[in-house]
Structures are given as structure tokens and as C-alpha cells.
Amino acid sequence: MNVHKDNITACIMTPEGKEIQTFSTKTVFLIQLVDWIKQHRCTHVAMESTSVYWKPIVNLLEAEDIEFLVVNAQHMKAVSGRKTDVKDADWIVKLLRHGLLKASFIPDRNQRELRELIRYRRSIIEERARQHNRI
């Protein structure tokens, strides 16, 4: 998968051939994406993503017990000649099939939720300090 803010381009490669589709990042379409993956009986998913756009997809894949790899986008861009999301998705599936991808570290769900709570707490404390200084 090639994950962006507004869309996801996914490529599935099976013995029958490959299929490429683009999905929106709205929740309804993310569920359709996971259903599409399950329909093709995919056991592993690799995605190239920047920022935090991978998080909702990982949460859904984790709930379905599908193995996933979030791959560093800079590592993927080291190979030249690919200019479109479709070509990127095709390249990612080929690398995954040959075991050439190195996954980024993604903590387990509990650790991710704890980190989010701590960040939220820190932002509230900072906001309180700003208001105190303003007064």
C-alpha cells in the first residue's frame, strides 16, 4: 500500500495475477480496504507511509490479525524510476514477496494508547501554562 492523507493505493499479487485499487481514507473505505484484503486471503501487508496516516490502517489490520509492515518512505524512495502511486504500490508488493522490506518499529496497541494519553496530558499542561502566563 502507498498511504497518503486523502487516498491509499493498494496492490494485491496472487498466483492469478495482480490487482490494484485506490481507496479513500474515510473510515467506510478503510473497512472496504480491509475486506478487500481479507477477500483475497492476504496474510501480509506492507505499507509506505509518512506522518501518522498509517495509524487507522494498522489498527484495523491488527484487529483482523493480519501481519503488517510499515516501511520507511525514504528507504522506498531510494529506488528511482517510480513516479506514480500505482507504480509505488506495485513495487512495494514485489519487495514484500521477496522479503526485501525492513519494517519500522511499531509498538503494540497498549503502548501506542499510553503514548497518546501522555502526549495529550502534556498538551493540556502546556495550554494551562499559556493561559496562566496570559493572565
N, C-alpha and C. Protein backbone atom coordinates (compact mmCIF):
# COMPACT_ATOMS: atom_id res chain seq x y z
N MET A 1 0.84 -1.18 0.00
CA MET A 1 0.00 0.00 0.00
C MET A 1 0.88 1.24 0.00
N ASN A 2 0.42 2.23 -0.70
CA ASN A 2 1.04 3.54 -0.67
C ASN A 2 0.02 4.46 -0.01
N VAL A 3 0.32 4.91 1.19
CA VAL A 3 -0.65 5.62 2.02
C VAL A 3 -0.38 7.12 2.01
N HIS A 4 -1.42 7.88 1.71
CA HIS A 4 -1.35 9.34 1.73
C HIS A 4 -2.48 9.88 2.59
N LYS A 5 -2.55 11.19 2.70
CA LYS A 5 -3.57 11.82 3.54
C LYS A 5 -4.98 11.53 3.03
N ASP A 6 -5.18 11.61 1.71
CA ASP A 6 -6.53 11.51 1.16
C ASP A 6 -6.86 10.18 0.50
N ASN A 7 -5.83 9.39 0.15
CA ASN A 7 -6.12 8.12 -0.51
C ASN A 7 -5.02 7.10 -0.26
N ILE A 8 -5.39 5.86 -0.55
CA ILE A 8 -4.48 4.72 -0.38
C ILE A 8 -4.52 3.94 -1.69
N THR A 9 -3.35 3.70 -2.25
CA THR A 9 -3.27 2.86 -3.44
C THR A 9 -2.72 1.52 -2.99
N ALA A 10 -3.49 0.47 -3.24
CA ALA A 10 -3.12 -0.87 -2.78
C ALA A 10 -2.99 -1.82 -3.96
N CYS A 11 -2.02 -2.71 -3.85
CA CYS A 11 -1.78 -3.71 -4.89
C CYS A 11 -1.77 -5.08 -4.23
N ILE A 12 -2.54 -6.00 -4.77
CA ILE A 12 -2.55 -7.39 -4.28
C ILE A 12 -2.01 -8.27 -5.39
N MET A 13 -1.03 -9.10 -5.04
CA MET A 13 -0.46 -10.01 -6.01
C MET A 13 -0.75 -11.44 -5.57
N THR A 14 -1.42 -12.18 -6.44
CA THR A 14 -1.75 -13.57 -6.17
C THR A 14 -1.24 -14.42 -7.34
N PRO A 15 -1.30 -15.73 -7.22
CA PRO A 15 -0.88 -16.57 -8.36
C PRO A 15 -1.69 -16.30 -9.63
N GLU A 16 -2.91 -15.79 -9.47
CA GLU A 16 -3.75 -15.49 -10.63
C GLU A 16 -3.35 -14.18 -11.30
N GLY A 17 -2.61 -13.33 -10.61
CA GLY A 17 -2.21 -12.03 -11.16
C GLY A 17 -2.23 -10.96 -10.09
N LYS A 18 -2.19 -9.72 -10.53
CA LYS A 18 -2.22 -8.63 -9.55
C LYS A 18 -3.40 -7.73 -9.81
N GLU A 19 -3.84 -7.10 -8.73
CA GLU A 19 -4.99 -6.20 -8.79
C GLU A 19 -4.62 -4.95 -8.01
N ILE A 20 -4.87 -3.79 -8.59
CA ILE A 20 -4.56 -2.52 -7.95
C ILE A 20 -5.84 -1.71 -7.81
N GLN A 21 -6.05 -1.18 -6.60
CA GLN A 21 -7.22 -0.34 -6.34
C GLN A 21 -6.81 0.85 -5.50
N THR A 22 -7.57 1.92 -5.61
CA THR A 22 -7.36 3.11 -4.80
C THR A 22 -8.57 3.30 -3.90
N PHE A 23 -8.30 3.58 -2.62
CA PHE A 23 -9.36 3.76 -1.62
C PHE A 23 -9.20 5.12 -0.97
N SER A 24 -10.31 5.69 -0.55
CA SER A 24 -10.28 6.92 0.23
C SER A 24 -9.85 6.59 1.65
N THR A 25 -9.46 7.58 2.42
CA THR A 25 -9.03 7.34 3.80
C THR A 25 -10.15 7.50 4.81
N LYS A 26 -11.37 7.70 4.34
CA LYS A 26 -12.50 7.75 5.27
C LYS A 26 -12.75 6.34 5.82
N THR A 27 -13.27 6.27 7.03
CA THR A 27 -13.42 5.01 7.74
C THR A 27 -14.17 3.95 6.94
N VAL A 28 -15.25 4.34 6.28
CA VAL A 28 -16.04 3.38 5.49
C VAL A 28 -15.17 2.72 4.43
N PHE A 29 -14.32 3.50 3.78
CA PHE A 29 -13.47 2.97 2.72
C PHE A 29 -12.30 2.17 3.28
N LEU A 30 -11.84 2.54 4.48
CA LEU A 30 -10.78 1.74 5.11
C LEU A 30 -11.30 0.34 5.44
N ILE A 31 -12.55 0.27 5.88
CA ILE A 31 -13.16 -1.04 6.16
C ILE A 31 -13.30 -1.83 4.86
N GLN A 32 -13.65 -1.15 3.76
CA GLN A 32 -13.72 -1.81 2.46
C GLN A 32 -12.34 -2.33 2.05
N LEU A 33 -11.31 -1.55 2.34
CA LEU A 33 -9.93 -1.96 2.03
C LEU A 33 -9.58 -3.24 2.78
N VAL A 34 -9.88 -3.28 4.06
CA VAL A 34 -9.58 -4.48 4.86
C VAL A 34 -10.40 -5.67 4.36
N ASP A 35 -11.65 -5.44 4.02
CA ASP A 35 -12.48 -6.53 3.46
C ASP A 35 -11.89 -7.03 2.14
N TRP A 36 -11.41 -6.13 1.31
CA TRP A 36 -10.78 -6.49 0.03
C TRP A 36 -9.53 -7.34 0.27
N ILE A 37 -8.75 -6.96 1.29
CA ILE A 37 -7.54 -7.72 1.64
C ILE A 37 -7.93 -9.12 2.12
N LYS A 38 -8.95 -9.20 2.99
CA LYS A 38 -9.40 -10.50 3.50
C LYS A 38 -10.01 -11.35 2.40
N GLN A 39 -10.72 -10.73 1.48
CA GLN A 39 -11.34 -11.46 0.36
C GLN A 39 -10.27 -12.17 -0.48
N HIS A 40 -9.11 -11.56 -0.63
CA HIS A 40 -8.02 -12.16 -1.40
C HIS A 40 -7.11 -13.05 -0.54
N ARG A 41 -7.49 -13.24 0.71
CA ARG A 41 -6.76 -14.08 1.66
C ARG A 41 -5.29 -13.67 1.80
N CYS A 42 -5.05 -12.37 1.85
CA CYS A 42 -3.67 -11.88 2.05
C CYS A 42 -3.28 -12.09 3.50
N THR A 43 -2.07 -12.54 3.71
CA THR A 43 -1.58 -12.79 5.06
C THR A 43 -0.63 -11.70 5.53
N HIS A 44 -0.03 -10.97 4.59
CA HIS A 44 0.93 -9.92 4.93
C HIS A 44 0.61 -8.65 4.14
N VAL A 45 0.78 -7.53 4.80
CA VAL A 45 0.55 -6.24 4.17
C VAL A 45 1.74 -5.34 4.47
N ALA A 46 2.27 -4.70 3.44
CA ALA A 46 3.35 -3.72 3.62
C ALA A 46 2.81 -2.37 3.15
N MET A 47 3.15 -1.34 3.90
CA MET A 47 2.69 -0.01 3.51
C MET A 47 3.79 1.02 3.67
N GLU A 48 3.84 1.91 2.72
CA GLU A 48 4.75 3.05 2.77
C GLU A 48 3.90 4.23 3.21
N SER A 49 4.33 4.89 4.28
CA SER A 49 3.53 5.99 4.79
C SER A 49 4.42 7.01 5.46
N THR A 50 3.99 8.25 5.40
CA THR A 50 4.65 9.31 6.14
C THR A 50 3.65 9.83 7.17
N SER A 51 4.15 10.59 8.12
CA SER A 51 3.33 11.18 9.16
C SER A 51 2.56 10.09 9.93
N VAL A 52 1.30 10.34 10.23
CA VAL A 52 0.51 9.40 11.04
C VAL A 52 -0.61 8.75 10.23
N TYR A 53 -0.55 8.83 8.91
CA TYR A 53 -1.63 8.32 8.07
C TYR A 53 -1.75 6.80 8.15
N TRP A 54 -0.74 6.11 8.61
CA TRP A 54 -0.76 4.65 8.71
C TRP A 54 -1.55 4.16 9.92
N LYS A 55 -1.75 4.98 10.92
CA LYS A 55 -2.32 4.53 12.19
C LYS A 55 -3.71 3.87 12.08
N PRO A 56 -4.69 4.49 11.41
CA PRO A 56 -6.00 3.82 11.35
C PRO A 56 -5.95 2.49 10.60
N ILE A 57 -5.10 2.42 9.60
CA ILE A 57 -4.99 1.17 8.83
C ILE A 57 -4.39 0.08 9.70
N VAL A 58 -3.34 0.42 10.44
CA VAL A 58 -2.70 -0.55 11.33
C VAL A 58 -3.68 -1.03 12.39
N ASN A 59 -4.48 -0.13 12.93
CA ASN A 59 -5.46 -0.53 13.94
C ASN A 59 -6.46 -1.54 13.38
N LEU A 60 -6.91 -1.33 12.15
CA LEU A 60 -7.86 -2.26 11.54
C LEU A 60 -7.19 -3.60 11.21
N LEU A 61 -5.98 -3.55 10.68
CA LEU A 61 -5.27 -4.79 10.34
C LEU A 61 -4.96 -5.60 11.59
N GLU A 62 -4.59 -4.89 12.65
CA GLU A 62 -4.28 -5.54 13.92
C GLU A 62 -5.51 -6.26 14.47
N ALA A 63 -6.68 -5.63 14.33
CA ALA A 63 -7.93 -6.24 14.81
C ALA A 63 -8.27 -7.51 14.03
N GLU A 64 -7.83 -7.59 12.78
CA GLU A 64 -8.10 -8.76 11.93
C GLU A 64 -6.97 -9.79 11.96
N ASP A 65 -5.96 -9.55 12.79
CA ASP A 65 -4.79 -10.44 12.89
C ASP A 65 -4.08 -10.64 11.55
N ILE A 66 -3.93 -9.56 10.81
CA ILE A 66 -3.19 -9.59 9.55
C ILE A 66 -1.81 -8.99 9.82
N GLU A 67 -0.76 -9.71 9.41
CA GLU A 67 0.61 -9.22 9.59
C GLU A 67 0.80 -7.96 8.76
N PHE A 68 1.46 -6.95 9.35
CA PHE A 68 1.68 -5.71 8.61
C PHE A 68 3.10 -5.20 8.83
N LEU A 69 3.60 -4.48 7.86
CA LEU A 69 4.89 -3.81 7.94
C LEU A 69 4.67 -2.37 7.51
N VAL A 70 5.11 -1.44 8.34
CA VAL A 70 5.12 -0.04 7.95
C VAL A 70 6.57 0.25 7.57
N VAL A 71 6.76 0.67 6.31
CA VAL A 71 8.10 0.82 5.77
C VAL A 71 8.45 2.29 5.65
N ASN A 72 9.68 2.61 5.97
CA ASN A 72 10.18 3.98 5.88
C ASN A 72 10.10 4.46 4.44
N ALA A 73 9.44 5.59 4.21
CA ALA A 73 9.25 6.10 2.86
C ALA A 73 10.58 6.49 2.21
N GLN A 74 11.53 7.00 2.99
CA GLN A 74 12.83 7.37 2.42
C GLN A 74 13.57 6.14 1.92
N HIS A 75 13.44 5.03 2.62
CA HIS A 75 14.07 3.79 2.18
C HIS A 75 13.46 3.34 0.86
N MET A 76 12.16 3.50 0.71
CA MET A 76 11.48 3.09 -0.51
C MET A 76 11.85 3.99 -1.69
N LYS A 77 12.07 5.25 -1.42
CA LYS A 77 12.36 6.21 -2.48
C LYS A 77 13.79 6.09 -2.99
N ALA A 78 14.59 5.24 -2.35
CA ALA A 78 15.97 5.07 -2.79
C ALA A 78 16.04 4.48 -4.19
N VAL A 79 14.99 3.84 -4.63
CA VAL A 79 14.94 3.25 -5.96
C VAL A 79 14.28 4.26 -6.90
N SER A 80 14.97 4.64 -7.95
CA SER A 80 14.44 5.66 -8.85
C SER A 80 13.56 5.04 -9.94
N GLY A 81 12.87 5.90 -10.67
CA GLY A 81 12.09 5.45 -11.81
C GLY A 81 10.62 5.26 -11.53
N ARG A 82 10.20 5.38 -10.29
CA ARG A 82 8.78 5.21 -9.97
C ARG A 82 8.19 6.59 -9.71
N LYS A 83 7.19 6.96 -10.46
CA LYS A 83 6.65 8.31 -10.35
C LYS A 83 5.18 8.36 -9.95
N THR A 84 4.49 7.24 -9.90
CA THR A 84 3.07 7.26 -9.56
C THR A 84 2.80 6.35 -8.38
N ASP A 85 1.65 6.57 -7.74
CA ASP A 85 1.25 5.74 -6.60
C ASP A 85 1.04 4.29 -7.03
N VAL A 86 0.52 4.10 -8.23
CA VAL A 86 0.28 2.74 -8.72
C VAL A 86 1.61 2.00 -8.87
N LYS A 87 2.60 2.67 -9.44
CA LYS A 87 3.92 2.03 -9.58
C LYS A 87 4.55 1.78 -8.22
N ASP A 88 4.36 2.72 -7.29
CA ASP A 88 4.87 2.53 -5.92
C ASP A 88 4.25 1.31 -5.27
N ALA A 89 2.92 1.18 -5.37
CA ALA A 89 2.22 0.04 -4.75
C ALA A 89 2.69 -1.27 -5.38
N ASP A 90 2.87 -1.26 -6.69
CA ASP A 90 3.36 -2.45 -7.39
C ASP A 90 4.78 -2.81 -6.92
N TRP A 91 5.62 -1.81 -6.75
CA TRP A 91 6.99 -2.02 -6.29
C TRP A 91 7.01 -2.57 -4.86
N ILE A 92 6.17 -2.04 -3.99
CA ILE A 92 6.11 -2.49 -2.60
C ILE A 92 5.71 -3.95 -2.53
N VAL A 93 4.70 -4.36 -3.32
CA VAL A 93 4.26 -5.76 -3.27
C VAL A 93 5.36 -6.69 -3.77
N LYS A 94 6.12 -6.25 -4.77
CA LYS A 94 7.24 -7.08 -5.25
C LYS A 94 8.32 -7.24 -4.19
N LEU A 95 8.66 -6.14 -3.53
CA LEU A 95 9.67 -6.20 -2.47
C LEU A 95 9.20 -7.07 -1.30
N LEU A 96 7.92 -6.98 -0.96
CA LEU A 96 7.38 -7.79 0.13
C LEU A 96 7.45 -9.27 -0.21
N ARG A 97 7.09 -9.63 -1.43
CA ARG A 97 7.12 -11.04 -1.83
C ARG A 97 8.53 -11.62 -1.77
N HIS A 98 9.53 -10.78 -2.01
CA HIS A 98 10.92 -11.25 -1.99
C HIS A 98 11.60 -11.07 -0.64
N GLY A 99 10.85 -10.57 0.35
CA GLY A 99 11.39 -10.41 1.69
C GLY A 99 12.46 -9.33 1.80
N LEU A 100 12.35 -8.28 1.00
CA LEU A 100 13.37 -7.24 0.97
C LEU A 100 12.99 -5.98 1.73
N LEU A 101 11.91 -6.03 2.48
CA LEU A 101 11.47 -4.85 3.23
C LEU A 101 11.86 -4.96 4.69
N LYS A 102 12.28 -3.84 5.23
CA LYS A 102 12.60 -3.77 6.66
C LYS A 102 11.52 -2.91 7.32
N ALA A 103 10.81 -3.51 8.26
CA ALA A 103 9.70 -2.82 8.90
C ALA A 103 10.21 -1.80 9.92
N SER A 104 9.49 -0.69 10.01
CA SER A 104 9.74 0.28 11.07
C SER A 104 9.19 -0.29 12.37
N PHE A 105 9.74 0.16 13.49
CA PHE A 105 9.25 -0.32 14.79
C PHE A 105 7.90 0.32 15.08
N ILE A 106 6.90 -0.50 15.33
CA ILE A 106 5.57 -0.05 15.72
C ILE A 106 5.27 -0.71 17.07
N PRO A 107 5.14 0.10 18.14
CA PRO A 107 4.84 -0.50 19.44
C PRO A 107 3.46 -1.15 19.44
N ASP A 108 3.23 -2.01 20.42
CA ASP A 108 1.93 -2.67 20.48
C ASP A 108 0.83 -1.66 20.83
N ARG A 109 -0.40 -2.09 20.69
CA ARG A 109 -1.55 -1.20 20.85
C ARG A 109 -1.58 -0.50 22.21
N ASN A 110 -1.33 -1.22 23.29
CA ASN A 110 -1.35 -0.62 24.63
C ASN A 110 -0.31 0.49 24.74
N GLN A 111 0.87 0.24 24.22
CA GLN A 111 1.94 1.24 24.28
C GLN A 111 1.57 2.48 23.45
N ARG A 112 0.96 2.27 22.29
CA ARG A 112 0.55 3.40 21.45
C ARG A 112 -0.51 4.24 22.15
N GLU A 113 -1.47 3.57 22.80
CA GLU A 113 -2.53 4.30 23.51
C GLU A 113 -1.97 5.08 24.70
N LEU A 114 -1.02 4.47 25.42
CA LEU A 114 -0.39 5.17 26.54
C LEU A 114 0.37 6.40 26.05
N ARG A 115 1.09 6.26 24.95
CA ARG A 115 1.82 7.40 24.39
C ARG A 115 0.87 8.53 24.02
N GLU A 116 -0.28 8.20 23.43
CA GLU A 116 -1.25 9.22 23.06
C GLU A 116 -1.79 9.94 24.28
N LEU A 117 -2.07 9.19 25.36
CA LEU A 117 -2.54 9.81 26.60
C LEU A 117 -1.50 10.75 27.19
N ILE A 118 -0.25 10.32 27.18
CA ILE A 118 0.82 11.16 27.73
C ILE A 118 0.99 12.42 26.90
N ARG A 119 0.93 12.31 25.58
CA ARG A 119 1.04 13.50 24.72
C ARG A 119 -0.13 14.45 24.96
N TYR A 120 -1.32 13.89 25.11
CA TYR A 120 -2.50 14.72 25.36
C TYR A 120 -2.38 15.43 26.71
N ARG A 121 -1.92 14.71 27.73
CA ARG A 121 -1.73 15.32 29.05
C ARG A 121 -0.73 16.46 28.98
N ARG A 122 0.37 16.23 28.25
CA ARG A 122 1.39 17.27 28.12
C ARG A 122 0.82 18.50 27.41
N SER A 123 0.00 18.29 26.37
CA SER A 123 -0.57 19.44 25.66
C SER A 123 -1.52 20.23 26.57
N ILE A 124 -2.26 19.53 27.43
CA ILE A 124 -3.17 20.22 28.36
C ILE A 124 -2.36 21.03 29.38
N ILE A 125 -1.28 20.46 29.89
CA ILE A 125 -0.42 21.17 30.84
C ILE A 125 0.19 22.41 30.19
N GLU A 126 0.64 22.26 28.93
CA GLU A 126 1.21 23.41 28.23
C GLU A 126 0.17 24.49 27.99
N GLU A 127 -1.04 24.09 27.65
CA GLU A 127 -2.11 25.06 27.43
C GLU A 127 -2.45 25.78 28.74
N ARG A 128 -2.48 25.03 29.84
CA ARG A 128 -2.73 25.64 31.15
C ARG A 128 -1.67 26.69 31.47
N ALA A 129 -0.40 26.37 31.19
CA ALA A 129 0.69 27.30 31.44
C ALA A 129 0.55 28.54 30.56
N ARG A 130 0.16 28.38 29.30
CA ARG A 130 -0.03 29.53 28.40
C ARG A 130 -1.12 30.45 28.94
N GLN A 131 -2.23 29.83 29.39
CA GLN A 131 -3.32 30.65 29.92
C GLN A 131 -2.90 31.36 31.22
N HIS A 132 -2.16 30.67 32.06
CA HIS A 132 -1.66 31.25 33.31
C HIS A 132 -0.75 32.44 33.00
N ASN A 133 0.16 32.28 32.05
CA ASN A 133 1.08 33.36 31.68
C ASN A 133 0.31 34.53 31.05
N ARG A 134 -0.72 34.22 30.28
CA ARG A 134 -1.51 35.25 29.64
C ARG A 134 -2.24 36.10 30.68
N ILE A 135 -2.75 35.42 31.71
CA ILE A 135 -3.48 36.13 32.79
C ILE A 135 -2.51 37.00 33.57
